[in-house]
Amino acid sequence: MSDQSDDAAADGGQDETEARAELLDLLCENARYSTDDLARMTGLDAAEVEDVIADLEASGVVQGYAAVVDWERAESVTQAEHVHALVELNVELDRETGYEDIADRLAQFPEVQALRLVSGNYDFALEVEEESMSKVSRFISEKVAPVPEITQTVTHYVMDTYKEAGHRFEETGDDDRLSVTP
């Protein structure tokens, strides 16, 4: 072990790093854990947990907290349709425009839930949520496709979700369709 590692372990640096990592894992598992629960699970005291979380939020490591919603079940409660689409985007860059510039323009739209630069057959993966397929289509055709550097869009509508953010969505009832045999 190097002298630097010994110094970090001696002053608690390694323990602090491990505690941060453990707290991040636990918050990803369930952001509603209480401070007392997190303290019990990590071996820290409640004040230390609050300090670490406050620091993670202030430094931008933790960007926010969100509910994982099964929108299919929610429709029966909200009486509102919810459409999720995944959009592949191909772009052509020029000397003045980079990926960051395009991402900045696209990320400003409230319909955009996620935007990622990816490897493979397309450049960006865009996730869009709207109230209907026509609204998604209109958003793509009127706001996304006209961006000069975007050369192609391919929209995939999500038909069913089985797992989201680590949470598995279970079936809610019996399948009342009739069996079909050839």
N, C-alpha and C. Protein backbone atom coordinates (compact mmCIF):
# COMPACT_ATOMS: atom_id res chain seq x y z
N MET A 1 0.85 -1.18 0.00
CA MET A 1 0.00 0.00 0.00
C MET A 1 0.89 1.23 0.00
N SER A 2 0.56 2.26 -0.77
CA SER A 2 1.38 3.47 -0.86
C SER A 2 1.15 4.35 0.36
N ASP A 3 2.08 5.31 0.53
CA ASP A 3 1.95 6.24 1.64
C ASP A 3 0.68 7.08 1.51
N GLN A 4 0.31 7.46 0.27
CA GLN A 4 -0.90 8.24 0.06
C GLN A 4 -2.13 7.46 0.48
N SER A 5 -2.18 6.18 0.15
CA SER A 5 -3.31 5.34 0.55
C SER A 5 -3.40 5.22 2.05
N ASP A 6 -2.22 5.06 2.69
CA ASP A 6 -2.20 4.97 4.15
C ASP A 6 -2.73 6.26 4.76
N ASP A 7 -2.29 7.41 4.20
CA ASP A 7 -2.74 8.70 4.72
C ASP A 7 -4.25 8.85 4.55
N ALA A 8 -4.80 8.46 3.38
CA ALA A 8 -6.24 8.59 3.13
C ALA A 8 -7.03 7.71 4.10
N ALA A 9 -6.54 6.48 4.31
CA ALA A 9 -7.24 5.59 5.23
C ALA A 9 -7.14 6.11 6.66
N ALA A 10 -5.98 6.67 7.00
CA ALA A 10 -5.80 7.16 8.37
C ALA A 10 -6.71 8.35 8.67
N ASP A 11 -6.92 9.23 7.66
CA ASP A 11 -7.76 10.39 7.94
C ASP A 11 -9.22 10.17 7.57
N GLY A 12 -9.56 8.94 7.23
CA GLY A 12 -10.96 8.62 6.96
C GLY A 12 -11.37 8.85 5.52
N GLY A 13 -10.45 9.25 4.63
CA GLY A 13 -10.78 9.51 3.23
C GLY A 13 -11.38 8.31 2.54
N GLN A 14 -10.79 7.14 2.74
CA GLN A 14 -11.31 5.93 2.11
C GLN A 14 -12.68 5.59 2.67
N ASP A 15 -12.84 5.71 3.98
CA ASP A 15 -14.14 5.42 4.60
C ASP A 15 -15.21 6.37 4.08
N GLU A 16 -14.85 7.65 3.90
CA GLU A 16 -15.79 8.64 3.39
C GLU A 16 -16.19 8.30 1.95
N THR A 17 -15.22 7.89 1.16
CA THR A 17 -15.50 7.51 -0.23
C THR A 17 -16.42 6.30 -0.27
N GLU A 18 -16.14 5.32 0.56
CA GLU A 18 -17.00 4.13 0.61
C GLU A 18 -18.40 4.48 1.10
N ALA A 19 -18.49 5.38 2.09
CA ALA A 19 -19.80 5.79 2.61
C ALA A 19 -20.60 6.51 1.54
N ARG A 20 -19.93 7.37 0.77
CA ARG A 20 -20.62 8.08 -0.32
C ARG A 20 -21.15 7.09 -1.35
N ALA A 21 -20.30 6.15 -1.74
CA ALA A 21 -20.71 5.16 -2.73
C ALA A 21 -21.87 4.32 -2.22
N GLU A 22 -21.81 3.92 -0.96
CA GLU A 22 -22.88 3.12 -0.37
C GLU A 22 -24.18 3.91 -0.29
N LEU A 23 -24.08 5.19 0.10
CA LEU A 23 -25.29 6.03 0.16
C LEU A 23 -25.89 6.23 -1.23
N LEU A 24 -25.05 6.43 -2.23
CA LEU A 24 -25.57 6.58 -3.60
C LEU A 24 -26.31 5.32 -4.04
N ASP A 25 -25.72 4.16 -3.76
CA ASP A 25 -26.39 2.89 -4.11
C ASP A 25 -27.74 2.77 -3.41
N LEU A 26 -27.78 3.11 -2.13
CA LEU A 26 -29.02 3.01 -1.36
C LEU A 26 -30.07 4.02 -1.86
N LEU A 27 -29.65 5.24 -2.19
CA LEU A 27 -30.59 6.23 -2.72
C LEU A 27 -31.15 5.80 -4.08
N CYS A 28 -30.31 5.16 -4.89
CA CYS A 28 -30.78 4.64 -6.18
C CYS A 28 -31.78 3.50 -5.97
N GLU A 29 -31.55 2.70 -4.95
CA GLU A 29 -32.44 1.59 -4.62
C GLU A 29 -33.80 2.12 -4.16
N ASN A 30 -33.76 3.15 -3.28
CA ASN A 30 -35.01 3.71 -2.76
C ASN A 30 -34.71 5.09 -2.18
N ALA A 31 -35.05 6.12 -2.92
CA ALA A 31 -34.77 7.49 -2.48
C ALA A 31 -35.62 7.92 -1.30
N ARG A 32 -36.57 7.09 -0.90
CA ARG A 32 -37.44 7.44 0.23
C ARG A 32 -36.97 6.85 1.55
N TYR A 33 -35.81 6.17 1.55
CA TYR A 33 -35.27 5.72 2.83
C TYR A 33 -35.11 6.93 3.74
N SER A 34 -35.47 6.78 5.01
CA SER A 34 -35.29 7.88 5.96
C SER A 34 -33.81 8.00 6.31
N THR A 35 -33.47 9.14 6.86
CA THR A 35 -32.08 9.35 7.31
C THR A 35 -31.70 8.30 8.34
N ASP A 36 -32.62 7.97 9.24
CA ASP A 36 -32.33 6.95 10.25
C ASP A 36 -32.09 5.58 9.61
N ASP A 37 -32.91 5.23 8.60
CA ASP A 37 -32.72 3.96 7.89
C ASP A 37 -31.34 3.93 7.22
N LEU A 38 -30.99 5.02 6.54
CA LEU A 38 -29.69 5.08 5.86
C LEU A 38 -28.55 5.00 6.86
N ALA A 39 -28.72 5.62 8.01
CA ALA A 39 -27.68 5.56 9.04
C ALA A 39 -27.50 4.12 9.53
N ARG A 40 -28.60 3.43 9.78
CA ARG A 40 -28.51 2.02 10.22
C ARG A 40 -27.85 1.15 9.16
N MET A 41 -28.18 1.38 7.90
CA MET A 41 -27.65 0.53 6.82
C MET A 41 -26.18 0.79 6.52
N THR A 42 -25.71 2.00 6.81
CA THR A 42 -24.32 2.34 6.49
C THR A 42 -23.39 2.34 7.68
N GLY A 43 -23.96 2.37 8.88
CA GLY A 43 -23.11 2.45 10.07
C GLY A 43 -22.70 3.87 10.42
N LEU A 44 -23.21 4.85 9.67
CA LEU A 44 -22.95 6.26 9.98
C LEU A 44 -24.02 6.74 10.95
N ASP A 45 -23.80 7.91 11.55
CA ASP A 45 -24.89 8.47 12.34
C ASP A 45 -25.74 9.35 11.44
N ALA A 46 -26.93 9.70 11.89
CA ALA A 46 -27.90 10.43 11.07
C ALA A 46 -27.34 11.76 10.59
N ALA A 47 -26.61 12.46 11.43
CA ALA A 47 -26.03 13.75 11.05
C ALA A 47 -25.02 13.59 9.92
N GLU A 48 -24.22 12.53 9.99
CA GLU A 48 -23.24 12.27 8.92
C GLU A 48 -23.95 11.96 7.61
N VAL A 49 -25.03 11.18 7.67
CA VAL A 49 -25.81 10.87 6.46
C VAL A 49 -26.35 12.15 5.85
N GLU A 50 -26.92 13.02 6.67
CA GLU A 50 -27.47 14.28 6.17
C GLU A 50 -26.38 15.14 5.55
N ASP A 51 -25.20 15.17 6.16
CA ASP A 51 -24.09 15.97 5.63
C ASP A 51 -23.61 15.43 4.29
N VAL A 52 -23.48 14.10 4.19
CA VAL A 52 -23.01 13.50 2.94
C VAL A 52 -24.02 13.74 1.83
N ILE A 53 -25.30 13.55 2.11
CA ILE A 53 -26.34 13.77 1.10
C ILE A 53 -26.38 15.23 0.68
N ALA A 54 -26.27 16.13 1.63
CA ALA A 54 -26.26 17.57 1.30
C ALA A 54 -25.07 17.90 0.41
N ASP A 55 -23.92 17.31 0.70
CA ASP A 55 -22.73 17.54 -0.12
C ASP A 55 -22.90 16.95 -1.52
N LEU A 56 -23.48 15.75 -1.62
CA LEU A 56 -23.72 15.13 -2.93
C LEU A 56 -24.68 15.97 -3.76
N GLU A 57 -25.68 16.54 -3.13
CA GLU A 57 -26.64 17.40 -3.84
C GLU A 57 -25.97 18.71 -4.25
N ALA A 58 -25.22 19.33 -3.34
CA ALA A 58 -24.58 20.61 -3.62
C ALA A 58 -23.53 20.50 -4.72
N SER A 59 -22.83 19.38 -4.77
CA SER A 59 -21.78 19.20 -5.78
C SER A 59 -22.34 18.74 -7.12
N GLY A 60 -23.65 18.47 -7.19
CA GLY A 60 -24.27 18.08 -8.45
C GLY A 60 -24.20 16.60 -8.75
N VAL A 61 -23.67 15.81 -7.82
CA VAL A 61 -23.65 14.35 -8.02
C VAL A 61 -25.07 13.82 -8.02
N VAL A 62 -25.85 14.22 -7.03
CA VAL A 62 -27.28 13.86 -7.00
C VAL A 62 -28.03 15.03 -7.63
N GLN A 63 -28.65 14.76 -8.77
CA GLN A 63 -29.33 15.80 -9.54
C GLN A 63 -30.80 15.95 -9.18
N GLY A 64 -31.39 14.94 -8.56
CA GLY A 64 -32.79 15.02 -8.20
C GLY A 64 -33.31 13.65 -7.80
N TYR A 65 -34.57 13.63 -7.44
CA TYR A 65 -35.22 12.39 -7.03
C TYR A 65 -36.50 12.27 -7.84
N ALA A 66 -36.83 11.07 -8.24
CA ALA A 66 -38.01 10.90 -9.08
C ALA A 66 -38.77 9.63 -8.69
N ALA A 67 -40.07 9.68 -8.90
CA ALA A 67 -40.90 8.50 -8.68
C ALA A 67 -40.83 7.61 -9.92
N VAL A 68 -40.86 6.31 -9.71
CA VAL A 68 -40.95 5.36 -10.81
C VAL A 68 -42.43 5.02 -10.94
N VAL A 69 -43.03 5.40 -12.06
CA VAL A 69 -44.48 5.28 -12.25
C VAL A 69 -44.78 4.23 -13.31
N ASP A 70 -45.69 3.34 -13.00
CA ASP A 70 -46.23 2.41 -13.99
C ASP A 70 -47.40 3.14 -14.65
N TRP A 71 -47.15 3.76 -15.80
CA TRP A 71 -48.16 4.62 -16.43
C TRP A 71 -49.37 3.85 -16.91
N GLU A 72 -49.19 2.57 -17.18
CA GLU A 72 -50.35 1.76 -17.57
C GLU A 72 -51.34 1.66 -16.41
N ARG A 73 -50.85 1.43 -15.23
CA ARG A 73 -51.72 1.40 -14.04
C ARG A 73 -52.25 2.79 -13.72
N ALA A 74 -51.45 3.81 -13.94
CA ALA A 74 -51.84 5.17 -13.60
C ALA A 74 -53.00 5.67 -14.46
N GLU A 75 -53.12 5.15 -15.68
CA GLU A 75 -54.21 5.58 -16.56
C GLU A 75 -55.57 5.35 -15.94
N SER A 76 -55.71 4.27 -15.17
CA SER A 76 -57.00 3.99 -14.55
C SER A 76 -57.31 5.00 -13.44
N VAL A 77 -56.30 5.61 -12.88
CA VAL A 77 -56.47 6.59 -11.80
C VAL A 77 -56.54 8.02 -12.35
N THR A 78 -55.71 8.31 -13.34
CA THR A 78 -55.61 9.68 -13.85
C THR A 78 -56.52 9.95 -15.03
N GLN A 79 -57.01 8.89 -15.68
CA GLN A 79 -57.83 9.02 -16.89
C GLN A 79 -57.07 9.75 -18.00
N ALA A 80 -55.75 9.71 -17.97
CA ALA A 80 -54.95 10.38 -18.98
C ALA A 80 -54.02 9.37 -19.65
N GLU A 81 -53.90 9.50 -20.95
CA GLU A 81 -52.98 8.65 -21.70
C GLU A 81 -51.56 9.17 -21.49
N HIS A 82 -50.60 8.29 -21.58
CA HIS A 82 -49.21 8.66 -21.42
C HIS A 82 -48.40 7.86 -22.44
N VAL A 83 -47.67 8.54 -23.30
CA VAL A 83 -46.92 7.87 -24.36
C VAL A 83 -45.43 8.15 -24.17
N HIS A 84 -44.67 7.08 -24.24
CA HIS A 84 -43.22 7.15 -24.10
C HIS A 84 -42.63 6.67 -25.42
N ALA A 85 -41.68 7.45 -25.97
CA ALA A 85 -41.05 7.08 -27.23
C ALA A 85 -39.53 7.18 -27.11
N LEU A 86 -38.86 6.30 -27.81
CA LEU A 86 -37.41 6.32 -27.91
C LEU A 86 -37.09 6.75 -29.34
N VAL A 87 -36.24 7.75 -29.48
CA VAL A 87 -35.97 8.31 -30.80
C VAL A 87 -34.47 8.24 -31.07
N GLU A 88 -34.14 7.64 -32.21
CA GLU A 88 -32.75 7.59 -32.66
C GLU A 88 -32.50 8.83 -33.51
N LEU A 89 -31.39 9.50 -33.26
CA LEU A 89 -31.05 10.69 -34.04
C LEU A 89 -29.67 10.53 -34.66
N ASN A 90 -29.58 10.79 -35.95
CA ASN A 90 -28.29 10.89 -36.62
C ASN A 90 -28.02 12.35 -36.89
N VAL A 91 -26.77 12.75 -36.72
CA VAL A 91 -26.41 14.14 -36.94
C VAL A 91 -25.18 14.23 -37.84
N GLU A 92 -25.02 15.38 -38.44
CA GLU A 92 -23.82 15.68 -39.21
C GLU A 92 -23.23 16.96 -38.63
N LEU A 93 -22.01 16.84 -38.11
CA LEU A 93 -21.36 17.97 -37.46
C LEU A 93 -20.61 18.82 -38.47
N ASP A 94 -20.46 20.11 -38.16
CA ASP A 94 -19.62 20.98 -38.97
C ASP A 94 -18.56 21.60 -38.05
N ARG A 95 -17.76 22.49 -38.59
CA ARG A 95 -16.64 23.07 -37.81
C ARG A 95 -17.12 23.86 -36.61
N GLU A 96 -18.28 24.49 -36.72
CA GLU A 96 -18.76 25.35 -35.65
C GLU A 96 -19.65 24.62 -34.64
N THR A 97 -20.15 23.45 -34.99
CA THR A 97 -21.15 22.78 -34.16
C THR A 97 -20.63 21.43 -33.69
N GLY A 98 -20.73 21.18 -32.38
CA GLY A 98 -20.34 19.90 -31.81
C GLY A 98 -21.53 19.21 -31.18
N TYR A 99 -21.30 18.02 -30.67
CA TYR A 99 -22.37 17.25 -30.02
C TYR A 99 -22.99 18.03 -28.86
N GLU A 100 -22.14 18.71 -28.08
CA GLU A 100 -22.64 19.49 -26.94
C GLU A 100 -23.63 20.56 -27.38
N ASP A 101 -23.34 21.20 -28.51
CA ASP A 101 -24.23 22.26 -29.01
C ASP A 101 -25.61 21.70 -29.35
N ILE A 102 -25.62 20.56 -30.01
CA ILE A 102 -26.89 19.93 -30.38
C ILE A 102 -27.62 19.46 -29.13
N ALA A 103 -26.88 18.86 -28.20
CA ALA A 103 -27.49 18.39 -26.95
C ALA A 103 -28.09 19.56 -26.17
N ASP A 104 -27.40 20.69 -26.13
CA ASP A 104 -27.94 21.86 -25.43
C ASP A 104 -29.27 22.31 -26.03
N ARG A 105 -29.37 22.30 -27.36
CA ARG A 105 -30.62 22.71 -28.01
C ARG A 105 -31.75 21.75 -27.71
N LEU A 106 -31.46 20.45 -27.76
CA LEU A 106 -32.51 19.44 -27.57
C LEU A 106 -32.94 19.34 -26.11
N ALA A 107 -31.99 19.46 -25.19
CA ALA A 107 -32.29 19.28 -23.77
C ALA A 107 -33.21 20.38 -23.22
N GLN A 108 -33.33 21.48 -23.91
CA GLN A 108 -34.18 22.57 -23.43
C GLN A 108 -35.67 22.25 -23.51
N PHE A 109 -36.06 21.28 -24.33
CA PHE A 109 -37.47 20.97 -24.50
C PHE A 109 -37.99 20.15 -23.32
N PRO A 110 -39.12 20.53 -22.73
CA PRO A 110 -39.66 19.78 -21.59
C PRO A 110 -40.12 18.37 -21.97
N GLU A 111 -40.42 18.12 -23.21
CA GLU A 111 -40.83 16.78 -23.65
C GLU A 111 -39.69 15.77 -23.56
N VAL A 112 -38.46 16.26 -23.61
CA VAL A 112 -37.27 15.40 -23.60
C VAL A 112 -37.01 14.96 -22.16
N GLN A 113 -37.15 13.67 -21.92
CA GLN A 113 -36.92 13.11 -20.59
C GLN A 113 -35.49 12.65 -20.39
N ALA A 114 -34.85 12.24 -21.47
CA ALA A 114 -33.45 11.81 -21.41
C ALA A 114 -32.83 12.01 -22.78
N LEU A 115 -31.56 12.33 -22.79
CA LEU A 115 -30.81 12.53 -24.02
C LEU A 115 -29.41 12.01 -23.80
N ARG A 116 -29.00 11.08 -24.64
CA ARG A 116 -27.69 10.46 -24.48
C ARG A 116 -26.95 10.40 -25.81
N LEU A 117 -25.67 10.70 -25.78
CA LEU A 117 -24.79 10.47 -26.92
C LEU A 117 -24.40 9.00 -26.83
N VAL A 118 -24.58 8.26 -27.92
CA VAL A 118 -24.36 6.81 -27.88
C VAL A 118 -23.44 6.36 -29.00
N SER A 119 -22.91 5.18 -28.87
CA SER A 119 -22.13 4.58 -29.94
C SER A 119 -23.06 3.69 -30.76
N GLY A 120 -22.65 3.35 -31.95
CA GLY A 120 -23.46 2.45 -32.76
C GLY A 120 -23.95 3.11 -34.04
N ASN A 121 -25.13 2.71 -34.49
CA ASN A 121 -25.66 3.15 -35.78
C ASN A 121 -26.28 4.54 -35.77
N TYR A 122 -26.45 5.12 -34.62
CA TYR A 122 -26.97 6.49 -34.54
C TYR A 122 -26.20 7.25 -33.46
N ASP A 123 -26.38 8.56 -33.43
CA ASP A 123 -25.56 9.41 -32.57
C ASP A 123 -26.18 9.70 -31.21
N PHE A 124 -27.47 10.03 -31.20
CA PHE A 124 -28.15 10.36 -29.96
C PHE A 124 -29.33 9.42 -29.73
N ALA A 125 -29.57 9.10 -28.47
CA ALA A 125 -30.79 8.40 -28.05
C ALA A 125 -31.60 9.40 -27.24
N LEU A 126 -32.80 9.67 -27.71
CA LEU A 126 -33.67 10.67 -27.11
C LEU A 126 -34.90 9.96 -26.56
N GLU A 127 -35.27 10.26 -25.32
CA GLU A 127 -36.50 9.71 -24.73
C GLU A 127 -37.49 10.84 -24.59
N VAL A 128 -38.70 10.60 -25.10
CA VAL A 128 -39.74 11.63 -25.11
C VAL A 128 -40.97 11.09 -24.41
N GLU A 129 -41.63 11.94 -23.62
CA GLU A 129 -42.92 11.58 -23.01
C GLU A 129 -43.92 12.66 -23.36
N GLU A 130 -45.10 12.23 -23.76
CA GLU A 130 -46.18 13.14 -24.12
C GLU A 130 -47.51 12.47 -23.82
N GLU A 131 -48.61 13.20 -24.08
CA GLU A 131 -49.95 12.70 -23.79
C GLU A 131 -50.51 11.81 -24.89
N SER A 132 -49.95 11.86 -26.10
CA SER A 132 -50.48 11.04 -27.19
C SER A 132 -49.39 10.81 -28.23
N MET A 133 -49.63 9.82 -29.09
CA MET A 133 -48.69 9.53 -30.16
C MET A 133 -48.62 10.71 -31.13
N SER A 134 -49.74 11.36 -31.37
CA SER A 134 -49.73 12.49 -32.29
C SER A 134 -48.91 13.65 -31.73
N LYS A 135 -48.95 13.86 -30.42
CA LYS A 135 -48.14 14.92 -29.82
C LYS A 135 -46.65 14.59 -29.90
N VAL A 136 -46.30 13.32 -29.70
CA VAL A 136 -44.90 12.91 -29.85
C VAL A 136 -44.47 13.15 -31.29
N SER A 137 -45.29 12.70 -32.23
CA SER A 137 -44.97 12.85 -33.65
C SER A 137 -44.81 14.32 -34.03
N ARG A 138 -45.72 15.14 -33.56
CA ARG A 138 -45.66 16.58 -33.85
C ARG A 138 -44.40 17.20 -33.24
N PHE A 139 -44.07 16.80 -32.02
CA PHE A 139 -42.86 17.32 -31.38
C PHE A 139 -41.62 16.97 -32.20
N ILE A 140 -41.52 15.71 -32.62
CA ILE A 140 -40.35 15.28 -33.40
C ILE A 140 -40.30 16.03 -34.73
N SER A 141 -41.42 16.12 -35.42
CA SER A 141 -41.42 16.74 -36.75
C SER A 141 -41.27 18.26 -36.70
N GLU A 142 -41.77 18.91 -35.65
CA GLU A 142 -41.74 20.37 -35.61
C GLU A 142 -40.57 20.95 -34.81
N LYS A 143 -40.05 20.20 -33.85
CA LYS A 143 -39.00 20.73 -32.98
C LYS A 143 -37.65 20.04 -33.15
N VAL A 144 -37.65 18.72 -33.32
CA VAL A 144 -36.39 17.98 -33.37
C VAL A 144 -35.84 17.90 -34.79
N ALA A 145 -36.64 17.40 -35.72
CA ALA A 145 -36.17 17.22 -37.10
C ALA A 145 -35.67 18.51 -37.75
N PRO A 146 -36.26 19.67 -37.47
CA PRO A 146 -35.76 20.90 -38.11
C PRO A 146 -34.38 21.37 -37.64
N VAL A 147 -33.84 20.80 -36.57
CA VAL A 147 -32.49 21.19 -36.14
C VAL A 147 -31.56 20.87 -37.32
N PRO A 148 -30.84 21.88 -37.82
CA PRO A 148 -30.08 21.72 -39.07
C PRO A 148 -29.11 20.54 -39.10
N GLU A 149 -28.49 20.22 -38.00
CA GLU A 149 -27.49 19.14 -37.99
C GLU A 149 -28.12 17.75 -37.93
N ILE A 150 -29.39 17.66 -37.63
CA ILE A 150 -30.04 16.35 -37.55
C ILE A 150 -30.40 15.88 -38.96
N THR A 151 -29.86 14.72 -39.32
CA THR A 151 -30.06 14.20 -40.68
C THR A 151 -31.12 13.11 -40.74
N GLN A 152 -31.41 12.48 -39.60
CA GLN A 152 -32.39 11.39 -39.61
C GLN A 152 -32.94 11.18 -38.20
N THR A 153 -34.24 10.89 -38.12
CA THR A 153 -34.87 10.49 -36.86
C THR A 153 -35.61 9.19 -37.09
N VAL A 154 -35.57 8.32 -36.12
CA VAL A 154 -36.34 7.08 -36.13
C VAL A 154 -37.02 6.99 -34.78
N THR A 155 -38.34 6.97 -34.77
CA THR A 155 -39.10 6.97 -33.53
C THR A 155 -39.66 5.59 -33.24
N HIS A 156 -39.44 5.12 -32.02
CA HIS A 156 -39.96 3.84 -31.55
C HIS A 156 -40.90 4.14 -30.38
N TYR A 157 -42.15 3.75 -30.50
CA TYR A 157 -43.11 3.94 -29.41
C TYR A 157 -43.04 2.75 -28.46
N VAL A 158 -42.99 3.03 -27.17
CA VAL A 158 -42.94 1.97 -26.17
C VAL A 158 -44.34 1.40 -26.03
N MET A 159 -44.46 0.11 -26.25
CA MET A 159 -45.76 -0.56 -26.18
C MET A 159 -46.08 -1.07 -24.77
N ASP A 160 -45.05 -1.53 -24.06
CA ASP A 160 -45.23 -2.02 -22.70
C ASP A 160 -43.90 -1.90 -21.97
N THR A 161 -43.95 -1.67 -20.68
CA THR A 161 -42.75 -1.56 -19.86
C THR A 161 -42.78 -2.67 -18.82
N TYR A 162 -41.70 -3.42 -18.76
CA TYR A 162 -41.60 -4.52 -17.82
C TYR A 162 -40.69 -4.18 -16.64
N LYS A 163 -39.75 -3.26 -16.86
CA LYS A 163 -38.84 -2.87 -15.79
C LYS A 163 -38.37 -1.45 -16.09
N GLU A 164 -38.35 -0.62 -15.05
CA GLU A 164 -37.94 0.78 -15.19
C GLU A 164 -37.14 1.17 -13.97
N ALA A 165 -35.98 1.77 -14.18
CA ALA A 165 -35.13 2.25 -13.08
C ALA A 165 -34.91 1.18 -12.02
N GLY A 166 -34.74 -0.05 -12.45
CA GLY A 166 -34.48 -1.15 -11.52
C GLY A 166 -35.71 -1.76 -10.87
N HIS A 167 -36.89 -1.21 -11.17
CA HIS A 167 -38.13 -1.72 -10.59
C HIS A 167 -38.90 -2.53 -11.62
N ARG A 168 -39.20 -3.76 -11.27
CA ARG A 168 -39.94 -4.64 -12.15
C ARG A 168 -41.43 -4.40 -11.99
N PHE A 169 -42.12 -4.21 -13.11
CA PHE A 169 -43.57 -4.02 -13.09
C PHE A 169 -44.22 -5.38 -13.22
N GLU A 170 -45.05 -5.71 -12.27
CA GLU A 170 -45.73 -7.00 -12.24
C GLU A 170 -47.08 -6.88 -12.93
N GLU A 171 -47.55 -7.99 -13.44
CA GLU A 171 -48.89 -8.04 -14.05
C GLU A 171 -49.93 -7.70 -13.00
N THR A 172 -50.99 -7.00 -13.43
CA THR A 172 -52.02 -6.58 -12.48
C THR A 172 -53.23 -7.49 -12.45
N GLY A 173 -53.41 -8.26 -13.47
CA GLY A 173 -54.62 -9.09 -13.49
C GLY A 173 -54.47 -10.27 -14.42
N ASP A 174 -55.52 -11.03 -14.52
CA ASP A 174 -55.50 -12.19 -15.40
C ASP A 174 -55.60 -11.74 -16.84
N ASP A 175 -54.98 -12.50 -17.71
CA ASP A 175 -55.07 -12.26 -19.14
C ASP A 175 -56.35 -12.92 -19.62
N ASP A 176 -57.30 -12.11 -20.05
CA ASP A 176 -58.60 -12.66 -20.43
C ASP A 176 -58.72 -12.97 -21.93
N ARG A 177 -57.57 -12.97 -22.63
CA ARG A 177 -57.60 -13.32 -24.05
C ARG A 177 -57.79 -14.84 -24.20
N LEU A 178 -58.42 -15.23 -25.24
CA LEU A 178 -58.61 -16.64 -25.52
C LEU A 178 -57.36 -17.24 -26.13
N SER A 179 -57.11 -18.51 -25.81
CA SER A 179 -55.98 -19.20 -26.40
C SER A 179 -56.26 -19.48 -27.85
N VAL A 180 -55.24 -19.38 -28.66
CA VAL A 180 -55.37 -19.69 -30.08
C VAL A 180 -54.36 -20.78 -30.39
N THR A 181 -54.85 -21.87 -30.94
CA THR A 181 -53.96 -22.94 -31.33
C THR A 181 -54.16 -23.21 -32.81
N PRO A 182 -53.08 -23.45 -33.52
CA PRO A 182 -53.20 -23.68 -34.96
C PRO A 182 -53.89 -25.00 -35.28
